[in-house]
Structures are given as C-alpha cells and as structure tokens.
Amino acid sequence: MWMYLGLLAALFLGLHNLCKKHAVQGNEVFPVLLGTILAGFMVFVPFFIGSIYYPDATKELGFYIETIPLKTHGFIFIKSMIMASSWVLAYQALKHLPITIVAPIRSAGPFFTFIGAIIIYKESPNFLQWIGFFVIILSVLLYSKIGKKEGIIFKRNKWIFAIIGATFLGALSGLYDKFLVQTLALNPQTLQFWFCFYTILILLFILSITWFPYPEKRKAFKFRWTIIGVGVLLQTADYFYFKALQDPDALIMLLSAIKRSQLIIAVVVGGLLFKEQNKRKKLVPLFGILLGVFLILYS
C-alpha cells in the first residue's frame, strides 16, 4: 500500500512543479515561497482548531493534530530550517533555468537518500536496486550535456550549483522524515501543521531583511493563483508521502525513487506548456530515469 501512496505523492508533486514554474516567473522568490507555505498552512488551520474544540470529530475524520512536547517542536524546527534552505535554492534555480533541466537534476535526490538509507537505517538494496540508482545518475549526467546546448554550462552556472545544493538538502530532509514519522511517531497532519508554522516564521525573518523594507520590490510582486496551487498541491503530496512512511515496512530509498515519476509531468507537460528547447532530446535521459525507477519497483 505504501508504494501506491508514494505514486499519489509523485502525481501531486508533478502538478506542484508546473504551478511553481509559473508562480516564480517575474517574481521575487521569497514572497512566492512565503505565499505557497501560507496557502498550505491554511489547509491545516481548521483541523488544528477542530483538534482543540472538537477532538472526537477531528479524530474520526483522521486529521487530529496532536499535542507534542517542546523537544519534538525542536526536531520539527530543524526540518523547517533544512527545507527552507532547500526551497530557497530550488526556487532561485527554477527562476533562472528551464524546468526540463531542473527537474532531472532534482531526480538525483534518491541517490543521496539511497546512501543515507544504507548508512543510517541499514536498508539493504538488492542488485536491481543498485542498477536502477546508477541508471538514474547516468541519465542526469546526460541531461547536463543537453543543457549546454541551451547555453547552460553546468561547471560555470551558479544556478546549477544552487539546484544541486537544494537536491542534497531535500534528500537530507527525506532521511530525517523517517526519523520524525517512525521514531517520534508523528502523524502527517501534526508534522505538516507545525512544519509550515515554523517555516513561515523563518521566511518572515528573511523577508523582513530582503523584501519588506523595499517598496519597489513589493510593488513589482505579481500575485498569481498558482502560488496558492503550489502550496495546496505540495501539502497534499506530503500528506500521502508521510502516510506511506507510517508503514513500518516502507523503505525511504524506494519511496524517494518512486517520487521521481513526477518527471513525466514536469518534463513532458512542462516542456510543452513553457515551450522549452530540446524537448525530444530530453526524452532520452527521461527514459533512462524512468527505467531506473522501474528497476527499483520491479526488484
């Protein structure tokens, strides 16, 4: 069952990536990011209020937000710091790079998760899983060569390093999620509510320095409905992902790989919507990535 929940998470992540590309065009990254997190946070506010005043009804719905100790709040705040850093880097890169380049580099995330899962959680991959992960990495390297034809030199472009950094931090957060959900036994809605809350505080601090004091920046901001869409779709994807992680048999290395199937939406649909270059050539490494995911699932 956890694999099907992982595929649902991938579906909503793919749609979330399309909305994100549209939301950041011509906009400052930080206010867009704050808007998306606020939108996702507002989804859980009614459940938080219901958990206080109508706990029985909220429990029946399956969205009860638990009371957690201060120490657990600290662990969630660490996740917020990791993901806020990852998102800031990812949004900046997405603003300056084609989605058909960004999405495949992000697909290297399972490799970092794969290594961490072996070292930290002692998850044991088999032969096909090893093959699948290295097929994914080789496919990402092929994307780098295609990117050069669009004037994107991977060794000299700072946004490439930004998206690589975002990918590494995202993988670190994925490993940390297993600790939060399985070791601390946090349910998805409790984790998501407080994660959004602390991320909003972090972003407000950043914006108080980089955006709020500058009227010209505030006037240049363009609100788009896709900003709300990004937040709602992301929290929906995360909900299914955390539900999958609640299964004690769930392997974080496989869940991370299954989520990469979002590339079908990001590369094929995104390439058509945003009229990006070399779409046909990008289908070759895309096939390699999907082949790697298939090998992992088949194994």
C-alpha atoms as a PDB file:
ATOM      1  CA  MET A   1       0.000   0.000   0.000  1.00  0.00           C
ATOM      2  CA  TRP A   2       2.827   2.424   0.801  1.00  0.00           C
ATOM      3  CA  MET A   3       4.084   2.224  -2.791  1.00  0.00           C
ATOM      4  CA  TYR A   4       0.685   3.355  -4.125  1.00  0.00           C
ATOM      5  CA  LEU A   5       0.702   6.256  -1.657  1.00  0.00           C
ATOM      6  CA  GLY A   6       4.170   7.125  -2.975  1.00  0.00           C
ATOM      7  CA  LEU A   7       2.819   7.236  -6.537  1.00  0.00           C
ATOM      8  CA  LEU A   8      -0.013   9.558  -5.419  1.00  0.00           C
ATOM      9  CA  ALA A   9       2.599  11.812  -3.840  1.00  0.00           C
ATOM     10  CA  ALA A  10       4.504  11.818  -7.152  1.00  0.00           C
ATOM     11  CA  LEU A  11       1.376  12.822  -9.082  1.00  0.00           C
ATOM     12  CA  PHE A  12       0.716  15.856  -6.897  1.00  0.00           C
ATOM     13  CA  LEU A  13       4.426  16.771  -6.865  1.00  0.00           C
ATOM     14  CA  GLY A  14       4.456  16.836 -10.668  1.00  0.00           C
ATOM     15  CA  LEU A  15       1.458  19.202 -10.737  1.00  0.00           C
ATOM     16  CA  HIS A  16       3.084  21.256  -7.972  1.00  0.00           C
ATOM     17  CA  ASN A  17       6.244  21.705 -10.084  1.00  0.00           C
ATOM     18  CA  LEU A  18       4.235  23.048 -13.029  1.00  0.00           C
ATOM     19  CA  CYS A  19       2.457  25.591 -10.819  1.00  0.00           C
ATOM     20  CA  LYS A  20       5.771  26.565  -9.198  1.00  0.00           C
ATOM     21  CA  LYS A  21       7.408  27.361 -12.549  1.00  0.00           C
ATOM     22  CA  HIS A  22       4.517  29.709 -13.388  1.00  0.00           C
ATOM     23  CA  ALA A  23       4.405  31.273  -9.912  1.00  0.00           C
ATOM     24  CA  VAL A  24       8.068  32.383  -9.863  1.00  0.00           C
ATOM     25  CA  GLN A  25       8.180  33.888 -13.362  1.00  0.00           C
ATOM     26  CA  GLY A  26       8.928  37.606 -12.992  1.00  0.00           C
ATOM     27  CA  ASN A  27       8.562  37.415  -9.199  1.00  0.00           C
ATOM     28  CA  GLU A  28      10.868  37.592  -6.196  1.00  0.00           C
ATOM     29  CA  VAL A  29      11.445  34.090  -4.868  1.00  0.00           C
ATOM     30  CA  PHE A  30      10.979  34.717  -1.131  1.00  0.00           C
ATOM     31  CA  PRO A  31       7.446  36.230  -1.198  1.00  0.00           C
ATOM     32  CA  VAL A  32       6.307  33.485  -3.586  1.00  0.00           C
ATOM     33  CA  LEU A  33       7.698  30.861  -1.233  1.00  0.00           C
ATOM     34  CA  LEU A  34       6.003  32.504   1.749  1.00  0.00           C
ATOM     35  CA  GLY A  35       2.705  32.591  -0.154  1.00  0.00           C
ATOM     36  CA  THR A  36       2.888  28.905  -1.014  1.00  0.00           C
ATOM     37  CA  ILE A  37       3.671  27.866   2.583  1.00  0.00           C
ATOM     38  CA  LEU A  38       0.889  30.128   3.909  1.00  0.00           C
ATOM     39  CA  ALA A  39      -1.575  28.535   1.478  1.00  0.00           C
ATOM     40  CA  GLY A  40      -0.556  25.047   2.603  1.00  0.00           C
ATOM     41  CA  PHE A  41      -0.677  26.102   6.265  1.00  0.00           C
ATOM     42  CA  MET A  42      -4.255  27.403   5.904  1.00  0.00           C
ATOM     43  CA  VAL A  43      -5.352  23.922   4.797  1.00  0.00           C
ATOM     44  CA  PHE A  44      -4.450  22.596   8.265  1.00  0.00           C
ATOM     45  CA  VAL A  45      -5.674  25.521  10.402  1.00  0.00           C
ATOM     46  CA  PRO A  46      -9.309  24.237  10.526  1.00  0.00           C
ATOM     47  CA  PHE A  47      -8.037  20.829  11.687  1.00  0.00           C
ATOM     48  CA  PHE A  48      -5.897  22.486  14.378  1.00  0.00           C
ATOM     49  CA  ILE A  49      -8.907  24.425  15.659  1.00  0.00           C
ATOM     50  CA  GLY A  50     -11.061  21.291  15.436  1.00  0.00           C
ATOM     51  CA  SER A  51      -8.453  19.320  17.383  1.00  0.00           C
ATOM     52  CA  ILE A  52      -8.796  21.824  20.259  1.00  0.00           C
ATOM     53  CA  TYR A  53     -12.575  22.280  20.370  1.00  0.00           C
ATOM     54  CA  TYR A  54     -13.898  19.126  18.656  1.00  0.00           C
ATOM     55  CA  PRO A  55     -11.210  16.463  19.235  1.00  0.00           C
ATOM     56  CA  ASP A  56     -13.527  13.455  18.832  1.00  0.00           C
ATOM     57  CA  ALA A  57     -14.910  14.645  15.499  1.00  0.00           C
ATOM     58  CA  THR A  58     -11.435  15.505  14.210  1.00  0.00           C
ATOM     59  CA  LYS A  59     -10.125  12.091  15.234  1.00  0.00           C
ATOM     60  CA  GLU A  60     -12.989  10.425  13.350  1.00  0.00           C
ATOM     61  CA  LEU A  61     -12.012  12.373  10.231  1.00  0.00           C
ATOM     62  CA  GLY A  62      -8.422  11.186  10.678  1.00  0.00           C
ATOM     63  CA  PHE A  63      -6.978  14.707  10.836  1.00  0.00           C
ATOM     64  CA  TYR A  64      -6.453  15.161  14.560  1.00  0.00           C
ATOM     65  CA  ILE A  65      -3.398  17.326  15.317  1.00  0.00           C
ATOM     66  CA  GLU A  66      -1.749  16.002  18.439  1.00  0.00           C
ATOM     67  CA  THR A  67      -0.250  17.938  21.343  1.00  0.00           C
ATOM     68  CA  ILE A  68       3.526  17.379  21.237  1.00  0.00           C
ATOM     69  CA  PRO A  69       6.330  18.112  23.736  1.00  0.00           C
ATOM     70  CA  LEU A  70       8.767  21.021  23.367  1.00  0.00           C
ATOM     71  CA  LYS A  71      11.591  18.672  22.346  1.00  0.00           C
ATOM     72  CA  THR A  72       9.556  17.408  19.401  1.00  0.00           C
ATOM     73  CA  HIS A  73       8.888  21.016  18.354  1.00  0.00           C
ATOM     74  CA  GLY A  74      12.664  21.429  18.228  1.00  0.00           C
ATOM     75  CA  PHE A  75      13.024  18.441  15.900  1.00  0.00           C
ATOM     76  CA  ILE A  76      10.333  19.847  13.594  1.00  0.00           C
ATOM     77  CA  PHE A  77      12.028  23.262  13.601  1.00  0.00           C
ATOM     78  CA  ILE A  78      15.237  21.600  12.371  1.00  0.00           C
ATOM     79  CA  LYS A  79      13.273  20.124   9.449  1.00  0.00           C
ATOM     80  CA  SER A  80      11.888  23.594   8.697  1.00  0.00           C
ATOM     81  CA  MET A  81      15.417  25.023   8.597  1.00  0.00           C
ATOM     82  CA  ILE A  82      16.605  22.288   6.233  1.00  0.00           C
ATOM     83  CA  MET A  83      13.656  22.589   3.861  1.00  0.00           C
ATOM     84  CA  ALA A  84      13.572  26.402   3.910  1.00  0.00           C
ATOM     85  CA  SER A  85      17.208  26.382   2.757  1.00  0.00           C
ATOM     86  CA  SER A  86      16.445  23.757   0.101  1.00  0.00           C
ATOM     87  CA  TRP A  87      13.418  25.643  -1.236  1.00  0.00           C
ATOM     88  CA  VAL A  88      15.195  28.995  -1.389  1.00  0.00           C
ATOM     89  CA  LEU A  89      17.955  27.429  -3.505  1.00  0.00           C
ATOM     90  CA  ALA A  90      15.486  25.451  -5.641  1.00  0.00           C
ATOM     91  CA  TYR A  91      13.186  28.422  -6.325  1.00  0.00           C
ATOM     92  CA  GLN A  92      16.123  30.635  -7.321  1.00  0.00           C
ATOM     93  CA  ALA A  93      17.381  27.941  -9.691  1.00  0.00           C
ATOM     94  CA  LEU A  94      13.912  27.320 -11.137  1.00  0.00           C
ATOM     95  CA  LYS A  95      13.567  31.026 -11.854  1.00  0.00           C
ATOM     96  CA  HIS A  96      16.743  31.029 -13.991  1.00  0.00           C
ATOM     97  CA  LEU A  97      16.778  27.539 -15.517  1.00  0.00           C
ATOM     98  CA  PRO A  98      14.370  25.543 -17.728  1.00  0.00           C
ATOM     99  CA  ILE A  99      12.101  23.149 -15.806  1.00  0.00           C
ATOM    100  CA  THR A 100      13.319  20.362 -18.102  1.00  0.00           C
ATOM    101  CA  ILE A 101      16.837  20.880 -16.699  1.00  0.00           C
ATOM    102  CA  VAL A 102      15.884  21.498 -13.054  1.00  0.00           C
ATOM    103  CA  ALA A 103      13.543  18.514 -12.659  1.00  0.00           C
ATOM    104  CA  PRO A 104      16.052  15.857 -13.784  1.00  0.00           C
ATOM    105  CA  ILE A 105      18.833  17.242 -11.541  1.00  0.00           C
ATOM    106  CA  ARG A 106      16.374  17.047  -8.658  1.00  0.00           C
ATOM    107  CA  SER A 107      15.929  13.426  -9.654  1.00  0.00           C
ATOM    108  CA  ALA A 108      19.417  12.757  -8.285  1.00  0.00           C
ATOM    109  CA  GLY A 109      17.893  13.142  -4.820  1.00  0.00           C
ATOM    110  CA  PRO A 110      17.194   9.402  -4.493  1.00  0.00           C
ATOM    111  CA  PHE A 111      20.920   8.721  -4.853  1.00  0.00           C
ATOM    112  CA  PHE A 112      21.720  10.787  -1.740  1.00  0.00           C
ATOM    113  CA  THR A 113      18.756   9.253   0.051  1.00  0.00           C
ATOM    114  CA  PHE A 114      19.893   5.808  -1.074  1.00  0.00           C
ATOM    115  CA  ILE A 115      23.333   6.231   0.520  1.00  0.00           C
ATOM    116  CA  GLY A 116      21.858   7.695   3.705  1.00  0.00           C
ATOM    117  CA  ALA A 117      19.306   4.909   3.991  1.00  0.00           C
ATOM    118  CA  ILE A 118      22.067   2.305   3.846  1.00  0.00           C
ATOM    119  CA  ILE A 119      24.314   4.062   6.379  1.00  0.00           C
ATOM    120  CA  ILE A 120      21.708   5.388   8.831  1.00  0.00           C
ATOM    121  CA  TYR A 121      18.760   2.992   8.590  1.00  0.00           C
ATOM    122  CA  LYS A 122      20.624  -0.105   7.379  1.00  0.00           C
ATOM    123  CA  GLU A 123      18.227  -0.581   4.467  1.00  0.00           C
ATOM    124  CA  SER A 124      19.532  -3.345   2.211  1.00  0.00           C
ATOM    125  CA  PRO A 125      19.331  -2.811  -1.559  1.00  0.00           C
ATOM    126  CA  ASN A 126      19.464  -5.719  -3.947  1.00  0.00           C
ATOM    127  CA  PHE A 127      21.308  -5.941  -7.273  1.00  0.00           C
ATOM    128  CA  LEU A 128      18.499  -4.442  -9.400  1.00  0.00           C
ATOM    129  CA  GLN A 129      18.125  -1.520  -6.985  1.00  0.00           C
ATOM    130  CA  TRP A 130      21.822  -0.733  -7.352  1.00  0.00           C
ATOM    131  CA  ILE A 131      21.479  -0.843 -11.147  1.00  0.00           C
ATOM    132  CA  GLY A 132      18.357   1.359 -11.031  1.00  0.00           C
ATOM    133  CA  PHE A 133      20.008   4.081  -8.994  1.00  0.00           C
ATOM    134  CA  PHE A 134      23.106   4.255 -11.176  1.00  0.00           C
ATOM    135  CA  VAL A 135      20.928   4.403 -14.315  1.00  0.00           C
ATOM    136  CA  ILE A 136      19.228   7.464 -12.773  1.00  0.00           C
ATOM    137  CA  ILE A 137      22.565   9.171 -12.046  1.00  0.00           C
ATOM    138  CA  LEU A 138      23.927   8.492 -15.550  1.00  0.00           C
ATOM    139  CA  SER A 139      20.716   9.874 -17.049  1.00  0.00           C
ATOM    140  CA  VAL A 140      21.117  13.089 -15.055  1.00  0.00           C
ATOM    141  CA  LEU A 141      24.674  13.449 -16.401  1.00  0.00           C
ATOM    142  CA  LEU A 142      23.268  13.111 -19.921  1.00  0.00           C
ATOM    143  CA  TYR A 143      20.918  15.999 -19.154  1.00  0.00           C
ATOM    144  CA  SER A 144      23.949  18.171 -18.369  1.00  0.00           C
ATOM    145  CA  LYS A 145      25.205  17.739 -21.945  1.00  0.00           C
ATOM    146  CA  ILE A 146      21.803  18.668 -23.362  1.00  0.00           C
ATOM    147  CA  GLY A 147      21.731  21.708 -21.079  1.00  0.00           C
ATOM    148  CA  LYS A 148      24.914  23.069 -22.686  1.00  0.00           C
ATOM    149  CA  LYS A 149      23.014  23.426 -25.987  1.00  0.00           C
ATOM    150  CA  GLU A 150      20.703  25.889 -24.231  1.00  0.00           C
ATOM    151  CA  GLY A 151      23.674  27.979 -23.100  1.00  0.00           C
ATOM    152  CA  ILE A 152      23.730  26.376 -19.665  1.00  0.00           C
ATOM    153  CA  ILE A 153      27.324  25.385 -18.843  1.00  0.00           C
ATOM    154  CA  PHE A 154      26.994  23.241 -15.754  1.00  0.00           C
ATOM    155  CA  LYS A 155      30.501  23.977 -14.423  1.00  0.00           C
ATOM    156  CA  ARG A 156      30.072  27.775 -14.674  1.00  0.00           C
ATOM    157  CA  ASN A 157      26.412  28.335 -13.893  1.00  0.00           C
ATOM    158  CA  LYS A 158      25.773  29.209 -10.249  1.00  0.00           C
ATOM    159  CA  TRP A 159      22.117  28.167 -10.534  1.00  0.00           C
ATOM    160  CA  ILE A 160      23.241  24.622 -11.313  1.00  0.00           C
ATOM    161  CA  PHE A 161      25.127  24.565  -8.010  1.00  0.00           C
ATOM    162  CA  ALA A 162      22.047  26.021  -6.323  1.00  0.00           C
ATOM    163  CA  ILE A 163      19.810  23.205  -7.563  1.00  0.00           C
ATOM    164  CA  ILE A 164      22.425  20.586  -6.604  1.00  0.00           C
ATOM    165  CA  GLY A 165      22.561  22.072  -3.086  1.00  0.00           C
ATOM    166  CA  ALA A 166      18.767  22.083  -2.930  1.00  0.00           C
ATOM    167  CA  THR A 167      18.731  18.434  -4.020  1.00  0.00           C
ATOM    168  CA  PHE A 168      21.198  17.398  -1.311  1.00  0.00           C
ATOM    169  CA  LEU A 169      19.249  19.235   1.415  1.00  0.00           C
ATOM    170  CA  GLY A 170      15.989  17.731   0.128  1.00  0.00           C
ATOM    171  CA  ALA A 171      17.471  14.244   0.385  1.00  0.00           C
ATOM    172  CA  LEU A 172      18.671  15.018   3.914  1.00  0.00           C
ATOM    173  CA  SER A 173      15.152  16.115   4.817  1.00  0.00           C
ATOM    174  CA  GLY A 174      13.769  12.877   3.374  1.00  0.00           C
ATOM    175  CA  LEU A 175      16.014  10.813   5.631  1.00  0.00           C
ATOM    176  CA  TYR A 176      15.027  12.999   8.570  1.00  0.00           C
ATOM    177  CA  ASP A 177      11.326  12.438   7.754  1.00  0.00           C
ATOM    178  CA  LYS A 178      11.668   8.738   8.512  1.00  0.00           C
ATOM    179  CA  PHE A 179      13.007   9.607  11.967  1.00  0.00           C
ATOM    180  CA  LEU A 180      10.146  12.064  12.587  1.00  0.00           C
ATOM    181  CA  VAL A 181       7.369   9.757  11.383  1.00  0.00           C
ATOM    182  CA  GLN A 182       8.595   6.346  12.567  1.00  0.00           C
ATOM    183  CA  THR A 183      10.816   7.058  15.580  1.00  0.00           C
ATOM    184  CA  LEU A 184       8.886  10.026  17.010  1.00  0.00           C
ATOM    185  CA  ALA A 185       5.554   8.548  15.760  1.00  0.00           C
ATOM    186  CA  LEU A 186       4.267  11.891  14.432  1.00  0.00           C
ATOM    187  CA  ASN A 187       1.138  11.666  12.301  1.00  0.00           C
ATOM    188  CA  PRO A 188       1.234  13.513   8.925  1.00  0.00           C
ATOM    189  CA  GLN A 189      -1.097  16.380   9.820  1.00  0.00           C
ATOM    190  CA  THR A 190       0.696  17.200  13.090  1.00  0.00           C
ATOM    191  CA  LEU A 191       4.063  17.229  11.359  1.00  0.00           C
ATOM    192  CA  GLN A 192       2.790  19.285   8.412  1.00  0.00           C
ATOM    193  CA  PHE A 193       0.979  21.885  10.564  1.00  0.00           C
ATOM    194  CA  TRP A 194       3.986  22.693  12.766  1.00  0.00           C
ATOM    195  CA  PHE A 195       6.437  22.384   9.894  1.00  0.00           C
ATOM    196  CA  CYS A 196       4.510  25.035   7.942  1.00  0.00           C
ATOM    197  CA  PHE A 197       4.224  27.217  11.055  1.00  0.00           C
ATOM    198  CA  TYR A 198       7.975  27.286  11.704  1.00  0.00           C
ATOM    199  CA  THR A 199       8.827  27.674   8.012  1.00  0.00           C
ATOM    200  CA  ILE A 200       6.569  30.746   7.844  1.00  0.00           C
ATOM    201  CA  LEU A 201       8.447  32.278  10.805  1.00  0.00           C
ATOM    202  CA  ILE A 202      11.795  31.619   9.085  1.00  0.00           C
ATOM    203  CA  LEU A 203      10.622  33.162   5.821  1.00  0.00           C
ATOM    204  CA  LEU A 204       9.136  36.203   7.576  1.00  0.00           C
ATOM    205  CA  PHE A 205      12.538  36.821   9.152  1.00  0.00           C
ATOM    206  CA  ILE A 206      14.255  36.585   5.734  1.00  0.00           C
ATOM    207  CA  LEU A 207      11.656  38.850   4.100  1.00  0.00           C
ATOM    208  CA  SER A 208      11.944  41.446   6.873  1.00  0.00           C
ATOM    209  CA  ILE A 209      15.533  41.959   5.682  1.00  0.00           C
ATOM    210  CA  THR A 210      15.339  41.353   1.938  1.00  0.00           C
ATOM    211  CA  TRP A 211      11.840  42.393   0.813  1.00  0.00           C
ATOM    212  CA  PHE A 212       9.508  44.247   3.212  1.00  0.00           C
ATOM    213  CA  PRO A 213      11.775  47.336   3.592  1.00  0.00           C
ATOM    214  CA  TYR A 214      11.851  47.935  -0.189  1.00  0.00           C
ATOM    215  CA  PRO A 215       8.637  49.452  -1.665  1.00  0.00           C
ATOM    216  CA  GLU A 216       9.803  48.953  -5.265  1.00  0.00           C
ATOM    217  CA  LYS A 217      10.158  45.213  -4.671  1.00  0.00           C
ATOM    218  CA  ARG A 218       6.725  44.975  -3.067  1.00  0.00           C
ATOM    219  CA  LYS A 219       5.126  46.851  -5.981  1.00  0.00           C
ATOM    220  CA  ALA A 220       6.840  44.577  -8.515  1.00  0.00           C
ATOM    221  CA  PHE A 221       5.324  41.464  -6.920  1.00  0.00           C
ATOM    222  CA  LYS A 222       2.590  39.829  -9.003  1.00  0.00           C
ATOM    223  CA  PHE A 223       0.085  37.641  -7.241  1.00  0.00           C
ATOM    224  CA  ARG A 224      -0.911  34.549  -9.199  1.00  0.00           C
ATOM    225  CA  TRP A 225      -3.402  31.850  -8.259  1.00  0.00           C
ATOM    226  CA  THR A 226      -0.686  29.289  -8.959  1.00  0.00           C
ATOM    227  CA  ILE A 227       1.010  30.481  -5.740  1.00  0.00           C
ATOM    228  CA  ILE A 228      -1.924  29.055  -3.790  1.00  0.00           C
ATOM    229  CA  GLY A 229      -1.934  25.983  -6.038  1.00  0.00           C
ATOM    230  CA  VAL A 230       1.730  25.291  -5.254  1.00  0.00           C
ATOM    231  CA  GLY A 231       1.063  25.305  -1.502  1.00  0.00           C
ATOM    232  CA  VAL A 232      -2.048  23.126  -1.609  1.00  0.00           C
ATOM    233  CA  LEU A 233      -0.543  20.606  -4.044  1.00  0.00           C
ATOM    234  CA  LEU A 234       2.680  20.361  -2.047  1.00  0.00           C
ATOM    235  CA  GLN A 235       0.888  19.675   1.233  1.00  0.00           C
ATOM    236  CA  THR A 236      -1.340  17.102  -0.499  1.00  0.00           C
ATOM    237  CA  ALA A 237       1.750  15.340  -1.882  1.00  0.00           C
ATOM    238  CA  ASP A 238       3.460  15.469   1.517  1.00  0.00           C
ATOM    239  CA  TYR A 239       0.380  14.041   3.229  1.00  0.00           C
ATOM    240  CA  PHE A 240       0.414  10.929   1.015  1.00  0.00           C
ATOM    241  CA  TYR A 241       4.196  10.682   1.390  1.00  0.00           C
ATOM    242  CA  PHE A 242       4.038  10.798   5.208  1.00  0.00           C
ATOM    243  CA  LYS A 243       1.144   8.313   5.220  1.00  0.00           C
ATOM    244  CA  ALA A 244       3.361   5.956   3.213  1.00  0.00           C
ATOM    245  CA  LEU A 245       6.207   6.471   5.691  1.00  0.00           C
ATOM    246  CA  GLN A 246       3.951   5.456   8.582  1.00  0.00           C
ATOM    247  CA  ASP A 247       4.078   1.910   7.265  1.00  0.00           C
ATOM    248  CA  PRO A 248       6.913   0.189   9.188  1.00  0.00           C
ATOM    249  CA  ASP A 249       7.758  -1.807   6.037  1.00  0.00           C
ATOM    250  CA  ALA A 250       8.253   1.348   3.941  1.00  0.00           C
ATOM    251  CA  LEU A 251      11.792   1.845   2.608  1.00  0.00           C
ATOM    252  CA  ILE A 252      12.774   5.503   2.328  1.00  0.00           C
ATOM    253  CA  MET A 253      15.172   4.702  -0.545  1.00  0.00           C
ATOM    254  CA  LEU A 254      12.347   3.243  -2.635  1.00  0.00           C
ATOM    255  CA  LEU A 255       9.846   5.963  -1.726  1.00  0.00           C
ATOM    256  CA  SER A 256      12.375   8.572  -2.786  1.00  0.00           C
ATOM    257  CA  ALA A 257      12.798   6.844  -6.142  1.00  0.00           C
ATOM    258  CA  ILE A 258       9.062   6.354  -6.704  1.00  0.00           C
ATOM    259  CA  LYS A 259       8.542  10.099  -6.248  1.00  0.00           C
ATOM    260  CA  ARG A 260      10.810  10.681  -9.262  1.00  0.00           C
ATOM    261  CA  SER A 261       7.999   9.527 -11.549  1.00  0.00           C
ATOM    262  CA  GLN A 262       6.782  13.129 -11.248  1.00  0.00           C
ATOM    263  CA  LEU A 263       9.280  13.754 -14.067  1.00  0.00           C
ATOM    264  CA  ILE A 264       6.712  12.545 -16.603  1.00  0.00           C
ATOM    265  CA  ILE A 265       4.594  15.605 -15.810  1.00  0.00           C
ATOM    266  CA  ALA A 266       7.493  18.023 -15.271  1.00  0.00           C
ATOM    267  CA  VAL A 267       9.406  17.213 -18.465  1.00  0.00           C
ATOM    268  CA  VAL A 268       6.689  16.261 -20.952  1.00  0.00           C
ATOM    269  CA  VAL A 269       3.782  18.519 -19.931  1.00  0.00           C
ATOM    270  CA  GLY A 270       6.041  21.273 -18.564  1.00  0.00           C
ATOM    271  CA  GLY A 271       8.152  21.340 -21.695  1.00  0.00           C
ATOM    272  CA  LEU A 272       5.049  21.810 -23.837  1.00  0.00           C
ATOM    273  CA  LEU A 273       3.434  24.449 -21.609  1.00  0.00           C
ATOM    274  CA  PHE A 274       6.556  26.598 -21.248  1.00  0.00           C
ATOM    275  CA  LYS A 275       7.816  25.940 -24.821  1.00  0.00           C
ATOM    276  CA  GLU A 276      11.321  24.972 -23.714  1.00  0.00           C
ATOM    277  CA  GLN A 277      14.068  23.783 -26.062  1.00  0.00           C
ATOM    278  CA  ASN A 278      15.323  20.283 -26.938  1.00  0.00           C
ATOM    279  CA  LYS A 279      12.232  18.520 -25.569  1.00  0.00           C
ATOM    280  CA  ARG A 280      12.710  15.462 -27.783  1.00  0.00           C
ATOM    281  CA  LYS A 281      16.359  15.029 -26.829  1.00  0.00           C
ATOM    282  CA  LYS A 282      15.420  15.309 -23.157  1.00  0.00           C
ATOM    283  CA  LEU A 283      13.076  12.343 -23.579  1.00  0.00           C
ATOM    284  CA  VAL A 284      16.119  10.058 -23.914  1.00  0.00           C
ATOM    285  CA  PRO A 285      17.562  10.669 -20.428  1.00  0.00           C
ATOM    286  CA  LEU A 286      13.993  10.903 -19.134  1.00  0.00           C
ATOM    287  CA  PHE A 287      13.501   7.337 -20.322  1.00  0.00           C
ATOM    288  CA  GLY A 288      16.709   6.377 -18.507  1.00  0.00           C
ATOM    289  CA  ILE A 289      15.428   7.858 -15.257  1.00  0.00           C
ATOM    290  CA  LEU A 290      12.089   6.095 -15.606  1.00  0.00           C
ATOM    291  CA  LEU A 291      13.938   2.857 -16.412  1.00  0.00           C
ATOM    292  CA  GLY A 292      15.891   3.267 -13.187  1.00  0.00           C
ATOM    293  CA  VAL A 293      12.679   3.807 -11.242  1.00  0.00           C
ATOM    294  CA  PHE A 294      11.128   0.763 -12.936  1.00  0.00           C
ATOM    295  CA  LEU A 295      14.085  -1.443 -11.975  1.00  0.00           C
ATOM    296  CA  ILE A 296      13.738  -0.357  -8.355  1.00  0.00           C
ATOM    297  CA  LEU A 297       9.989  -1.043  -8.326  1.00  0.00           C
ATOM    298  CA  TYR A 298      10.391  -4.326 -10.190  1.00  0.00           C
ATOM    299  CA  SER A 299      13.039  -5.514  -7.743  1.00  0.00           C
END
